[in-house]
Amino acid sequence: PDLLIVHGQYQHKPTPPFVPGAEFAGVVRAVGEGVSTLQPGQPVACLS
């Protein structure tokens, strides 16, 4: 789907400009108000 989305051919069409890349992993740096399930320093996998 990452290939399709940069060609405008995927079923989900984000409004440009956008940063592609559906799936990634890393470490939480900061959390917003109301977030209690995650904390800074926690490793996560994300599907956004």
ModelCIF file with pLDDT and N, C-alpha, C, O atoms, coordinates in Angstrom:
data_MODEL
#
_entry.id   MODEL 
#
_entity.id                         1 
_entity.type                       polymer 
_entity.pdbx_number_of_molecules   1 
#
_entity_poly.entity_id                      1 
_entity_poly.type                           'polypeptide(L)' 
_entity_poly.nstd_linkage                   no 
_entity_poly.nstd_monomer                   no 
_entity_poly.pdbx_seq_one_letter_code       PDLLIVHGQYQHKPTPPFVPGAEFAGVVRAVGEGVSTLQPGQPVACLS 
_entity_poly.pdbx_seq_one_letter_code_can   PDLLIVHGQYQHKPTPPFVPGAEFAGVVRAVGEGVSTLQPGQPVACLS 
_entity_poly.pdbx_strand_id                 A 
#
loop_
_entity_poly_seq.entity_id 
_entity_poly_seq.num 
_entity_poly_seq.mon_id 
_entity_poly_seq.hetero 
1 1  PRO n 
1 2  ASP n 
1 3  LEU n 
1 4  LEU n 
1 5  ILE n 
1 6  VAL n 
1 7  HIS n 
1 8  GLY n 
1 9  GLN n 
1 10 TYR n 
1 11 GLN n 
1 12 HIS n 
1 13 LYS n 
1 14 PRO n 
1 15 THR n 
1 16 PRO n 
1 17 PRO n 
1 18 PHE n 
1 19 VAL n 
1 20 PRO n 
1 21 GLY n 
1 22 ALA n 
1 23 GLU n 
1 24 PHE n 
1 25 ALA n 
1 26 GLY n 
1 27 VAL n 
1 28 VAL n 
1 29 ARG n 
1 30 ALA n 
1 31 VAL n 
1 32 GLY n 
1 33 GLU n 
1 34 GLY n 
1 35 VAL n 
1 36 SER n 
1 37 THR n 
1 38 LEU n 
1 39 GLN n 
1 40 PRO n 
1 41 GLY n 
1 42 GLN n 
1 43 PRO n 
1 44 VAL n 
1 45 ALA n 
1 46 CYS n 
1 47 LEU n 
1 48 SER n 
#
_struct_asym.id          A 
_struct_asym.entity_id   1 
#
loop_
_ma_qa_metric.id 
_ma_qa_metric.mode 
_ma_qa_metric.name 
_ma_qa_metric.software_group_id 
_ma_qa_metric.type 
1 global pLDDT . pLDDT 
2 local  pLDDT . pLDDT 
#
_ma_qa_metric_global.metric_id      1 
_ma_qa_metric_global.metric_value   93.98 
_ma_qa_metric_global.model_id       1 
_ma_qa_metric_global.ordinal_id     1 
#
loop_
_ma_qa_metric_local.label_asym_id 
_ma_qa_metric_local.label_comp_id 
_ma_qa_metric_local.label_seq_id 
_ma_qa_metric_local.metric_id 
_ma_qa_metric_local.metric_value 
_ma_qa_metric_local.model_id 
_ma_qa_metric_local.ordinal_id 
A PRO 1  2 89.00 1 1  
A ASP 2  2 94.00 1 2  
A LEU 3  2 93.00 1 3  
A LEU 4  2 92.00 1 4  
A ILE 5  2 94.00 1 5  
A VAL 6  2 95.00 1 6  
A HIS 7  2 94.00 1 7  
A GLY 8  2 93.00 1 8  
A GLN 9  2 88.00 1 9  
A TYR 10 2 85.00 1 10 
A GLN 11 2 79.00 1 11 
A HIS 12 2 81.00 1 12 
A LYS 13 2 89.00 1 13 
A PRO 14 2 92.00 1 14 
A THR 15 2 93.00 1 15 
A PRO 16 2 94.00 1 16 
A PRO 17 2 95.00 1 17 
A PHE 18 2 96.00 1 18 
A VAL 19 2 97.00 1 19 
A PRO 20 2 97.00 1 20 
A GLY 21 2 96.00 1 21 
A ALA 22 2 93.00 1 22 
A GLU 23 2 96.00 1 23 
A PHE 24 2 97.00 1 24 
A ALA 25 2 98.00 1 25 
A GLY 26 2 97.00 1 26 
A VAL 27 2 97.00 1 27 
A VAL 28 2 98.00 1 28 
A ARG 29 2 97.00 1 29 
A ALA 30 2 97.00 1 30 
A VAL 31 2 97.00 1 31 
A GLY 32 2 96.00 1 32 
A GLU 33 2 96.00 1 33 
A GLY 34 2 96.00 1 34 
A VAL 35 2 96.00 1 35 
A SER 36 2 94.00 1 36 
A THR 37 2 92.00 1 37 
A LEU 38 2 96.00 1 38 
A GLN 39 2 96.00 1 39 
A PRO 40 2 97.00 1 40 
A GLY 41 2 97.00 1 41 
A GLN 42 2 97.00 1 42 
A PRO 43 2 97.00 1 43 
A VAL 44 2 97.00 1 44 
A ALA 45 2 96.00 1 45 
A CYS 46 2 94.00 1 46 
A LEU 47 2 91.00 1 47 
A SER 48 2 90.00 1 48 
#
loop_
_atom_site.group_PDB 
_atom_site.id 
_atom_site.type_symbol 
_atom_site.label_atom_id 
_atom_site.label_alt_id 
_atom_site.label_comp_id 
_atom_site.label_asym_id 
_atom_site.label_entity_id 
_atom_site.label_seq_id 
_atom_site.pdbx_PDB_ins_code 
_atom_site.Cartn_x 
_atom_site.Cartn_y 
_atom_site.Cartn_z 
_atom_site.occupancy 
_atom_site.B_iso_or_equiv 
_atom_site.pdbx_formal_charge 
_atom_site.auth_seq_id 
_atom_site.auth_comp_id 
_atom_site.auth_asym_id 
_atom_site.auth_atom_id 
_atom_site.pdbx_PDB_model_num 
ATOM 1   N N  . PRO A 1 1  ? 0.803  -1.230 0.000  1.00 89.00 ? 1  PRO A N  1 
ATOM 2   C CA . PRO A 1 1  ? 0.000  0.000  0.000  1.00 89.00 ? 1  PRO A CA 1 
ATOM 3   C C  . PRO A 1 1  ? 0.835  1.279  0.000  1.00 89.00 ? 1  PRO A C  1 
ATOM 4   O O  . PRO A 1 1  ? 0.373  2.307  -0.495 1.00 89.00 ? 1  PRO A O  1 
ATOM 5   N N  . ASP A 1 2  ? 2.058  1.240  0.545  1.00 94.00 ? 2  ASP A N  1 
ATOM 6   C CA . ASP A 1 2  ? 2.906  2.429  0.513  1.00 94.00 ? 2  ASP A CA 1 
ATOM 7   C C  . ASP A 1 2  ? 3.229  2.826  -0.924 1.00 94.00 ? 2  ASP A C  1 
ATOM 8   O O  . ASP A 1 2  ? 3.307  4.012  -1.244 1.00 94.00 ? 2  ASP A O  1 
ATOM 9   N N  . LEU A 1 3  ? 3.416  1.836  -1.781 1.00 93.00 ? 3  LEU A N  1 
ATOM 10  C CA . LEU A 1 3  ? 3.679  2.109  -3.189 1.00 93.00 ? 3  LEU A CA 1 
ATOM 11  C C  . LEU A 1 3  ? 2.438  2.676  -3.869 1.00 93.00 ? 3  LEU A C  1 
ATOM 12  O O  . LEU A 1 3  ? 2.525  3.626  -4.647 1.00 93.00 ? 3  LEU A O  1 
ATOM 13  N N  . LEU A 1 4  ? 1.289  2.088  -3.569 1.00 92.00 ? 4  LEU A N  1 
ATOM 14  C CA . LEU A 1 4  ? 0.049  2.580  -4.177 1.00 92.00 ? 4  LEU A CA 1 
ATOM 15  C C  . LEU A 1 4  ? -0.275 4.003  -3.740 1.00 92.00 ? 4  LEU A C  1 
ATOM 16  O O  . LEU A 1 4  ? -0.750 4.807  -4.541 1.00 92.00 ? 4  LEU A O  1 
ATOM 17  N N  . ILE A 1 5  ? -0.021 4.314  -2.474 1.00 94.00 ? 5  ILE A N  1 
ATOM 18  C CA . ILE A 1 5  ? -0.457 5.595  -1.925 1.00 94.00 ? 5  ILE A CA 1 
ATOM 19  C C  . ILE A 1 5  ? 0.324  6.767  -2.519 1.00 94.00 ? 5  ILE A C  1 
ATOM 20  O O  . ILE A 1 5  ? -0.226 7.856  -2.683 1.00 94.00 ? 5  ILE A O  1 
ATOM 21  N N  . VAL A 1 6  ? 1.618  6.548  -2.845 1.00 95.00 ? 6  VAL A N  1 
ATOM 22  C CA . VAL A 1 6  ? 2.382  7.650  -3.441 1.00 95.00 ? 6  VAL A CA 1 
ATOM 23  C C  . VAL A 1 6  ? 2.053  7.825  -4.919 1.00 95.00 ? 6  VAL A C  1 
ATOM 24  O O  . VAL A 1 6  ? 2.439  8.822  -5.529 1.00 95.00 ? 6  VAL A O  1 
ATOM 25  N N  . HIS A 1 7  ? 1.334  6.850  -5.500 1.00 94.00 ? 7  HIS A N  1 
ATOM 26  C CA . HIS A 1 7  ? 0.831  6.980  -6.869 1.00 94.00 ? 7  HIS A CA 1 
ATOM 27  C C  . HIS A 1 7  ? -0.634 7.426  -6.900 1.00 94.00 ? 7  HIS A C  1 
ATOM 28  O O  . HIS A 1 7  ? -1.226 7.551  -7.972 1.00 94.00 ? 7  HIS A O  1 
ATOM 29  N N  . GLY A 1 8  ? -1.214 7.667  -5.721 1.00 93.00 ? 8  GLY A N  1 
ATOM 30  C CA . GLY A 1 8  ? -2.620 8.054  -5.663 1.00 93.00 ? 8  GLY A CA 1 
ATOM 31  C C  . GLY A 1 8  ? -3.565 6.944  -6.044 1.00 93.00 ? 8  GLY A C  1 
ATOM 32  O O  . GLY A 1 8  ? -4.675 7.207  -6.507 1.00 93.00 ? 8  GLY A O  1 
ATOM 33  N N  . GLN A 1 9  ? -3.139 5.680  -5.854 1.00 88.00 ? 9  GLN A N  1 
ATOM 34  C CA . GLN A 1 9  ? -3.946 4.539  -6.307 1.00 88.00 ? 9  GLN A CA 1 
ATOM 35  C C  . GLN A 1 9  ? -4.508 3.701  -5.172 1.00 88.00 ? 9  GLN A C  1 
ATOM 36  O O  . GLN A 1 9  ? -5.178 2.698  -5.418 1.00 88.00 ? 9  GLN A O  1 
ATOM 37  N N  . TYR A 1 10 ? -4.243 4.104  -3.918 1.00 85.00 ? 10 TYR A N  1 
ATOM 38  C CA . TYR A 1 10 ? -4.721 3.297  -2.798 1.00 85.00 ? 10 TYR A CA 1 
ATOM 39  C C  . TYR A 1 10 ? -6.134 3.733  -2.422 1.00 85.00 ? 10 TYR A C  1 
ATOM 40  O O  . TYR A 1 10 ? -6.550 4.853  -2.719 1.00 85.00 ? 10 TYR A O  1 
ATOM 41  N N  . GLN A 1 11 ? -6.877 2.820  -1.755 1.00 79.00 ? 11 GLN A N  1 
ATOM 42  C CA . GLN A 1 11 ? -8.259 3.135  -1.370 1.00 79.00 ? 11 GLN A CA 1 
ATOM 43  C C  . GLN A 1 11 ? -8.328 4.282  -0.359 1.00 79.00 ? 11 GLN A C  1 
ATOM 44  O O  . GLN A 1 11 ? -9.304 5.031  -0.320 1.00 79.00 ? 11 GLN A O  1 
ATOM 45  N N  . HIS A 1 12 ? -7.275 4.407  0.457  1.00 81.00 ? 12 HIS A N  1 
ATOM 46  C CA . HIS A 1 12 ? -7.173 5.541  1.375  1.00 81.00 ? 12 HIS A CA 1 
ATOM 47  C C  . HIS A 1 12 ? -6.289 6.595  0.730  1.00 81.00 ? 12 HIS A C  1 
ATOM 48  O O  . HIS A 1 12 ? -5.121 6.329  0.446  1.00 81.00 ? 12 HIS A O  1 
ATOM 49  N N  . LYS A 1 13 ? -6.825 7.790  0.493  1.00 89.00 ? 13 LYS A N  1 
ATOM 50  C CA . LYS A 1 13 ? -6.084 8.852  -0.183 1.00 89.00 ? 13 LYS A CA 1 
ATOM 51  C C  . LYS A 1 13 ? -5.924 10.047 0.757  1.00 89.00 ? 13 LYS A C  1 
ATOM 52  O O  . LYS A 1 13 ? -6.823 10.882 0.853  1.00 89.00 ? 13 LYS A O  1 
ATOM 53  N N  . PRO A 1 14 ? -4.779 10.134 1.455  1.00 92.00 ? 14 PRO A N  1 
ATOM 54  C CA . PRO A 1 14 ? -4.557 11.266 2.348  1.00 92.00 ? 14 PRO A CA 1 
ATOM 55  C C  . PRO A 1 14 ? -4.437 12.576 1.567  1.00 92.00 ? 14 PRO A C  1 
ATOM 56  O O  . PRO A 1 14 ? -4.032 12.591 0.405  1.00 92.00 ? 14 PRO A O  1 
ATOM 57  N N  . THR A 1 15 ? -4.794 13.656 2.223  1.00 93.00 ? 15 THR A N  1 
ATOM 58  C CA . THR A 1 15 ? -4.718 14.967 1.582  1.00 93.00 ? 15 THR A CA 1 
ATOM 59  C C  . THR A 1 15 ? -3.267 15.433 1.521  1.00 93.00 ? 15 THR A C  1 
ATOM 60  O O  . THR A 1 15 ? -2.609 15.508 2.559  1.00 93.00 ? 15 THR A O  1 
ATOM 61  N N  . PRO A 1 16 ? -2.746 15.749 0.326  1.00 94.00 ? 16 PRO A N  1 
ATOM 62  C CA . PRO A 1 16 ? -1.368 16.249 0.237  1.00 94.00 ? 16 PRO A CA 1 
ATOM 63  C C  . PRO A 1 16 ? -1.257 17.644 0.879  1.00 94.00 ? 16 PRO A C  1 
ATOM 64  O O  . PRO A 1 16 ? -2.240 18.382 0.943  1.00 94.00 ? 16 PRO A O  1 
ATOM 65  N N  . PRO A 1 17 ? -0.055 17.996 1.352  1.00 95.00 ? 17 PRO A N  1 
ATOM 66  C CA . PRO A 1 17 ? 1.123  17.145 1.416  1.00 95.00 ? 17 PRO A CA 1 
ATOM 67  C C  . PRO A 1 17 ? 1.048  16.199 2.613  1.00 95.00 ? 17 PRO A C  1 
ATOM 68  O O  . PRO A 1 17 ? 0.460  16.534 3.641  1.00 95.00 ? 17 PRO A O  1 
ATOM 69  N N  . PHE A 1 18 ? 1.640  15.030 2.474  1.00 96.00 ? 18 PHE A N  1 
ATOM 70  C CA . PHE A 1 18 ? 1.656  14.076 3.572  1.00 96.00 ? 18 PHE A CA 1 
ATOM 71  C C  . PHE A 1 18 ? 2.974  13.309 3.548  1.00 96.00 ? 18 PHE A C  1 
ATOM 72  O O  . PHE A 1 18 ? 3.681  13.284 2.541  1.00 96.00 ? 18 PHE A O  1 
ATOM 73  N N  . VAL A 1 19 ? 3.282  12.690 4.670  1.00 97.00 ? 19 VAL A N  1 
ATOM 74  C CA . VAL A 1 19 ? 4.464  11.838 4.796  1.00 97.00 ? 19 VAL A CA 1 
ATOM 75  C C  . VAL A 1 19 ? 3.986  10.393 4.688  1.00 97.00 ? 19 VAL A C  1 
ATOM 76  O O  . VAL A 1 19 ? 3.223  9.951  5.547  1.00 97.00 ? 19 VAL A O  1 
ATOM 77  N N  . PRO A 1 20 ? 4.403  9.639  3.669  1.00 97.00 ? 20 PRO A N  1 
ATOM 78  C CA . PRO A 1 20 ? 3.973  8.235  3.567  1.00 97.00 ? 20 PRO A CA 1 
ATOM 79  C C  . PRO A 1 20 ? 4.681  7.365  4.601  1.00 97.00 ? 20 PRO A C  1 
ATOM 80  O O  . PRO A 1 20 ? 5.565  7.821  5.326  1.00 97.00 ? 20 PRO A O  1 
ATOM 81  N N  . GLY A 1 21 ? 4.273  6.115  4.648  1.00 96.00 ? 21 GLY A N  1 
ATOM 82  C CA . GLY A 1 21 ? 4.864  5.155  5.584  1.00 96.00 ? 21 GLY A CA 1 
ATOM 83  C C  . GLY A 1 21 ? 3.859  4.720  6.627  1.00 96.00 ? 21 GLY A C  1 
ATOM 84  O O  . GLY A 1 21 ? 3.627  5.423  7.611  1.00 96.00 ? 21 GLY A O  1 
ATOM 85  N N  . ALA A 1 22 ? 3.257  3.544  6.408  1.00 93.00 ? 22 ALA A N  1 
ATOM 86  C CA . ALA A 1 22 ? 2.176  3.092  7.281  1.00 93.00 ? 22 ALA A CA 1 
ATOM 87  C C  . ALA A 1 22 ? 2.653  2.443  8.562  1.00 93.00 ? 22 ALA A C  1 
ATOM 88  O O  . ALA A 1 22 ? 1.945  2.464  9.568  1.00 93.00 ? 22 ALA A O  1 
ATOM 89  N N  . GLU A 1 23 ? 3.860  1.859  8.539  1.00 96.00 ? 23 GLU A N  1 
ATOM 90  C CA . GLU A 1 23 ? 4.251  0.954  9.628  1.00 96.00 ? 23 GLU A CA 1 
ATOM 91  C C  . GLU A 1 23 ? 5.672  1.282  10.090 1.00 96.00 ? 23 GLU A C  1 
ATOM 92  O O  . GLU A 1 23 ? 6.598  1.343  9.281  1.00 96.00 ? 23 GLU A O  1 
ATOM 93  N N  . PHE A 1 24 ? 5.833  1.490  11.387 1.00 97.00 ? 24 PHE A N  1 
ATOM 94  C CA . PHE A 1 24 ? 7.160  1.815  11.897 1.00 97.00 ? 24 PHE A CA 1 
ATOM 95  C C  . PHE A 1 24 ? 7.255  1.436  13.371 1.00 97.00 ? 24 PHE A C  1 
ATOM 96  O O  . PHE A 1 24 ? 6.257  1.112  14.015 1.00 97.00 ? 24 PHE A O  1 
ATOM 97  N N  . ALA A 1 25 ? 8.472  1.484  13.881 1.00 98.00 ? 25 ALA A N  1 
ATOM 98  C CA . ALA A 1 25 ? 8.707  1.194  15.298 1.00 98.00 ? 25 ALA A CA 1 
ATOM 99  C C  . ALA A 1 25 ? 9.719  2.199  15.829 1.00 98.00 ? 25 ALA A C  1 
ATOM 100 O O  . ALA A 1 25 ? 10.565 2.704  15.091 1.00 98.00 ? 25 ALA A O  1 
ATOM 101 N N  . GLY A 1 26 ? 9.615  2.475  17.109 1.00 97.00 ? 26 GLY A N  1 
ATOM 102 C CA . GLY A 1 26 ? 10.522 3.431  17.723 1.00 97.00 ? 26 GLY A CA 1 
ATOM 103 C C  . GLY A 1 26 ? 10.258 3.540  19.206 1.00 97.00 ? 26 GLY A C  1 
ATOM 104 O O  . GLY A 1 26 ? 9.741  2.615  19.833 1.00 97.00 ? 26 GLY A O  1 
ATOM 105 N N  . VAL A 1 27 ? 10.620 4.689  19.759 1.00 97.00 ? 27 VAL A N  1 
ATOM 106 C CA . VAL A 1 27 ? 10.515 4.915  21.191 1.00 97.00 ? 27 VAL A CA 1 
ATOM 107 C C  . VAL A 1 27 ? 9.700  6.185  21.436 1.00 97.00 ? 27 VAL A C  1 
ATOM 108 O O  . VAL A 1 27 ? 9.922  7.207  20.786 1.00 97.00 ? 27 VAL A O  1 
ATOM 109 N N  . VAL A 1 28 ? 8.765  6.115  22.367 1.00 98.00 ? 28 VAL A N  1 
ATOM 110 C CA . VAL A 1 28 ? 7.934  7.279  22.694 1.00 98.00 ? 28 VAL A CA 1 
ATOM 111 C C  . VAL A 1 28 ? 8.818  8.370  23.314 1.00 98.00 ? 28 VAL A C  1 
ATOM 112 O O  . VAL A 1 28 ? 9.537  8.127  24.283 1.00 98.00 ? 28 VAL A O  1 
ATOM 113 N N  . ARG A 1 29 ? 8.750  9.567  22.739 1.00 97.00 ? 29 ARG A N  1 
ATOM 114 C CA . ARG A 1 29 ? 9.487  10.704 23.288 1.00 97.00 ? 29 ARG A CA 1 
ATOM 115 C C  . ARG A 1 29 ? 8.616  11.526 24.233 1.00 97.00 ? 29 ARG A C  1 
ATOM 116 O O  . ARG A 1 29 ? 9.084  11.976 25.278 1.00 97.00 ? 29 ARG A O  1 
ATOM 117 N N  . ALA A 1 30 ? 7.345  11.722 23.867 1.00 97.00 ? 30 ALA A N  1 
ATOM 118 C CA . ALA A 1 30 ? 6.447  12.540 24.695 1.00 97.00 ? 30 ALA A CA 1 
ATOM 119 C C  . ALA A 1 30 ? 5.022  12.078 24.465 1.00 97.00 ? 30 ALA A C  1 
ATOM 120 O O  . ALA A 1 30 ? 4.701  11.518 23.417 1.00 97.00 ? 30 ALA A O  1 
ATOM 121 N N  . VAL A 1 31 ? 4.165  12.318 25.456 1.00 97.00 ? 31 VAL A N  1 
ATOM 122 C CA . VAL A 1 31 ? 2.745  11.962 25.347 1.00 97.00 ? 31 VAL A CA 1 
ATOM 123 C C  . VAL A 1 31 ? 1.896  13.203 25.555 1.00 97.00 ? 31 VAL A C  1 
ATOM 124 O O  . VAL A 1 31 ? 2.261  14.109 26.303 1.00 97.00 ? 31 VAL A O  1 
ATOM 125 N N  . GLY A 1 32 ? 0.764  13.226 24.884 1.00 96.00 ? 32 GLY A N  1 
ATOM 126 C CA . GLY A 1 32 ? -0.164 14.338 25.023 1.00 96.00 ? 32 GLY A CA 1 
ATOM 127 C C  . GLY A 1 32 ? -1.110 14.137 26.194 1.00 96.00 ? 32 GLY A C  1 
ATOM 128 O O  . GLY A 1 32 ? -1.103 13.102 26.860 1.00 96.00 ? 32 GLY A O  1 
ATOM 129 N N  . GLU A 1 33 ? -1.907 15.138 26.417 1.00 96.00 ? 33 GLU A N  1 
ATOM 130 C CA . GLU A 1 33 ? -2.871 15.113 27.517 1.00 96.00 ? 33 GLU A CA 1 
ATOM 131 C C  . GLU A 1 33 ? -3.829 13.933 27.350 1.00 96.00 ? 33 GLU A C  1 
ATOM 132 O O  . GLU A 1 33 ? -4.299 13.650 26.248 1.00 96.00 ? 33 GLU A O  1 
ATOM 133 N N  . GLY A 1 34 ? -4.105 13.257 28.449 1.00 96.00 ? 34 GLY A N  1 
ATOM 134 C CA . GLY A 1 34 ? -5.069 12.172 28.444 1.00 96.00 ? 34 GLY A CA 1 
ATOM 135 C C  . GLY A 1 34 ? -4.517 10.821 28.070 1.00 96.00 ? 34 GLY A C  1 
ATOM 136 O O  . GLY A 1 34 ? -5.255 9.836  28.084 1.00 96.00 ? 34 GLY A O  1 
ATOM 137 N N  . VAL A 1 35 ? -3.233 10.738 27.731 1.00 96.00 ? 35 VAL A N  1 
ATOM 138 C CA . VAL A 1 35 ? -2.635 9.449  27.360 1.00 96.00 ? 35 VAL A CA 1 
ATOM 139 C C  . VAL A 1 35 ? -2.105 8.772  28.616 1.00 96.00 ? 35 VAL A C  1 
ATOM 140 O O  . VAL A 1 35 ? -1.194 9.286  29.265 1.00 96.00 ? 35 VAL A O  1 
ATOM 141 N N  . SER A 1 36 ? -2.668 7.632  28.954 1.00 94.00 ? 36 SER A N  1 
ATOM 142 C CA . SER A 1 36 ? -2.256 6.905  30.157 1.00 94.00 ? 36 SER A CA 1 
ATOM 143 C C  . SER A 1 36 ? -1.694 5.528  29.847 1.00 94.00 ? 36 SER A C  1 
ATOM 144 O O  . SER A 1 36 ? -1.132 4.878  30.728 1.00 94.00 ? 36 SER A O  1 
ATOM 145 N N  . THR A 1 37 ? -1.838 5.072  28.599 1.00 92.00 ? 37 THR A N  1 
ATOM 146 C CA . THR A 1 37 ? -1.422 3.716  28.233 1.00 92.00 ? 37 THR A CA 1 
ATOM 147 C C  . THR A 1 37 ? 0.032  3.649  27.790 1.00 92.00 ? 37 THR A C  1 
ATOM 148 O O  . THR A 1 37 ? 0.604  2.561  27.711 1.00 92.00 ? 37 THR A O  1 
ATOM 149 N N  . LEU A 1 38 ? 0.637  4.799  27.502 1.00 96.00 ? 38 LEU A N  1 
ATOM 150 C CA . LEU A 1 38 ? 2.017  4.851  27.040 1.00 96.00 ? 38 LEU A CA 1 
ATOM 151 C C  . LEU A 1 38 ? 2.771  5.906  27.828 1.00 96.00 ? 38 LEU A C  1 
ATOM 152 O O  . LEU A 1 38 ? 2.172  6.820  28.394 1.00 96.00 ? 38 LEU A O  1 
ATOM 153 N N  . GLN A 1 39 ? 4.102  5.772  27.861 1.00 96.00 ? 39 GLN A N  1 
ATOM 154 C CA . GLN A 1 39 ? 4.913  6.747  28.582 1.00 96.00 ? 39 GLN A CA 1 
ATOM 155 C C  . GLN A 1 39 ? 6.239  6.955  27.854 1.00 96.00 ? 39 GLN A C  1 
ATOM 156 O O  . GLN A 1 39 ? 6.679  6.084  27.105 1.00 96.00 ? 39 GLN A O  1 
ATOM 157 N N  . PRO A 1 40 ? 6.878  8.111  28.072 1.00 97.00 ? 40 PRO A N  1 
ATOM 158 C CA . PRO A 1 40 ? 8.163  8.365  27.420 1.00 97.00 ? 40 PRO A CA 1 
ATOM 159 C C  . PRO A 1 40 ? 9.182  7.256  27.728 1.00 97.00 ? 40 PRO A C  1 
ATOM 160 O O  . PRO A 1 40 ? 9.259  6.746  28.846 1.00 97.00 ? 40 PRO A O  1 
ATOM 161 N N  . GLY A 1 41 ? 9.954  6.907  26.699 1.00 97.00 ? 41 GLY A N  1 
ATOM 162 C CA . GLY A 1 41 ? 10.949 5.849  26.833 1.00 97.00 ? 41 GLY A CA 1 
ATOM 163 C C  . GLY A 1 41 ? 10.441 4.469  26.488 1.00 97.00 ? 41 GLY A C  1 
ATOM 164 O O  . GLY A 1 41 ? 11.215 3.512  26.480 1.00 97.00 ? 41 GLY A O  1 
ATOM 165 N N  . GLN A 1 42 ? 9.146  4.344  26.199 1.00 97.00 ? 42 GLN A N  1 
ATOM 166 C CA . GLN A 1 42 ? 8.557  3.025  25.924 1.00 97.00 ? 42 GLN A CA 1 
ATOM 167 C C  . GLN A 1 42 ? 8.708  2.670  24.448 1.00 97.00 ? 42 GLN A C  1 
ATOM 168 O O  . GLN A 1 42 ? 8.354  3.482  23.593 1.00 97.00 ? 42 GLN A O  1 
ATOM 169 N N  . PRO A 1 43 ? 9.221  1.484  24.118 1.00 97.00 ? 43 PRO A N  1 
ATOM 170 C CA . PRO A 1 43 ? 9.283  1.060  22.714 1.00 97.00 ? 43 PRO A CA 1 
ATOM 171 C C  . PRO A 1 43 ? 7.903  0.651  22.204 1.00 97.00 ? 43 PRO A C  1 
ATOM 172 O O  . PRO A 1 43 ? 7.132  0.002  22.910 1.00 97.00 ? 43 PRO A O  1 
ATOM 173 N N  . VAL A 1 44 ? 7.610  1.043  20.967 1.00 97.00 ? 44 VAL A N  1 
ATOM 174 C CA . VAL A 1 44 ? 6.292  0.775  20.392 1.00 97.00 ? 44 VAL A CA 1 
ATOM 175 C C  . VAL A 1 44 ? 6.429  0.429  18.916 1.00 97.00 ? 44 VAL A C  1 
ATOM 176 O O  . VAL A 1 44 ? 7.396  0.812  18.258 1.00 97.00 ? 44 VAL A O  1 
ATOM 177 N N  . ALA A 1 45 ? 5.454  -0.293 18.417 1.00 96.00 ? 45 ALA A N  1 
ATOM 178 C CA . ALA A 1 45 ? 5.242  -0.452 16.977 1.00 96.00 ? 45 ALA A CA 1 
ATOM 179 C C  . ALA A 1 45 ? 3.987  0.328  16.636 1.00 96.00 ? 45 ALA A C  1 
ATOM 180 O O  . ALA A 1 45 ? 3.016  0.300  17.392 1.00 96.00 ? 45 ALA A O  1 
ATOM 181 N N  . CYS A 1 46 ? 3.993  1.022  15.509 1.00 94.00 ? 46 CYS A N  1 
ATOM 182 C CA . CYS A 1 46 ? 2.878  1.908  15.166 1.00 94.00 ? 46 CYS A CA 1 
ATOM 183 C C  . CYS A 1 46 ? 2.370  1.603  13.762 1.00 94.00 ? 46 CYS A C  1 
ATOM 184 O O  . CYS A 1 46 ? 3.139  1.318  12.844 1.00 94.00 ? 46 CYS A O  1 
ATOM 185 N N  . LEU A 1 47 ? 1.066  1.672  13.630 1.00 91.00 ? 47 LEU A N  1 
ATOM 186 C CA . LEU A 1 47 ? 0.397  1.553  12.342 1.00 91.00 ? 47 LEU A CA 1 
ATOM 187 C C  . LEU A 1 47 ? -0.524 2.749  12.195 1.00 91.00 ? 47 LEU A C  1 
ATOM 188 O O  . LEU A 1 47 ? -1.644 2.759  12.705 1.00 91.00 ? 47 LEU A O  1 
ATOM 189 N N  . SER A 1 48 ? -0.036 3.748  11.496 1.00 90.00 ? 48 SER A N  1 
ATOM 190 C CA . SER A 1 48 ? -0.780 5.002  11.420 1.00 90.00 ? 48 SER A CA 1 
ATOM 191 C C  . SER A 1 48 ? -1.274 5.319  10.022 1.00 90.00 ? 48 SER A C  1 
ATOM 192 O O  . SER A 1 48 ? -1.917 6.348  9.813  1.00 90.00 ? 48 SER A O  1 
#
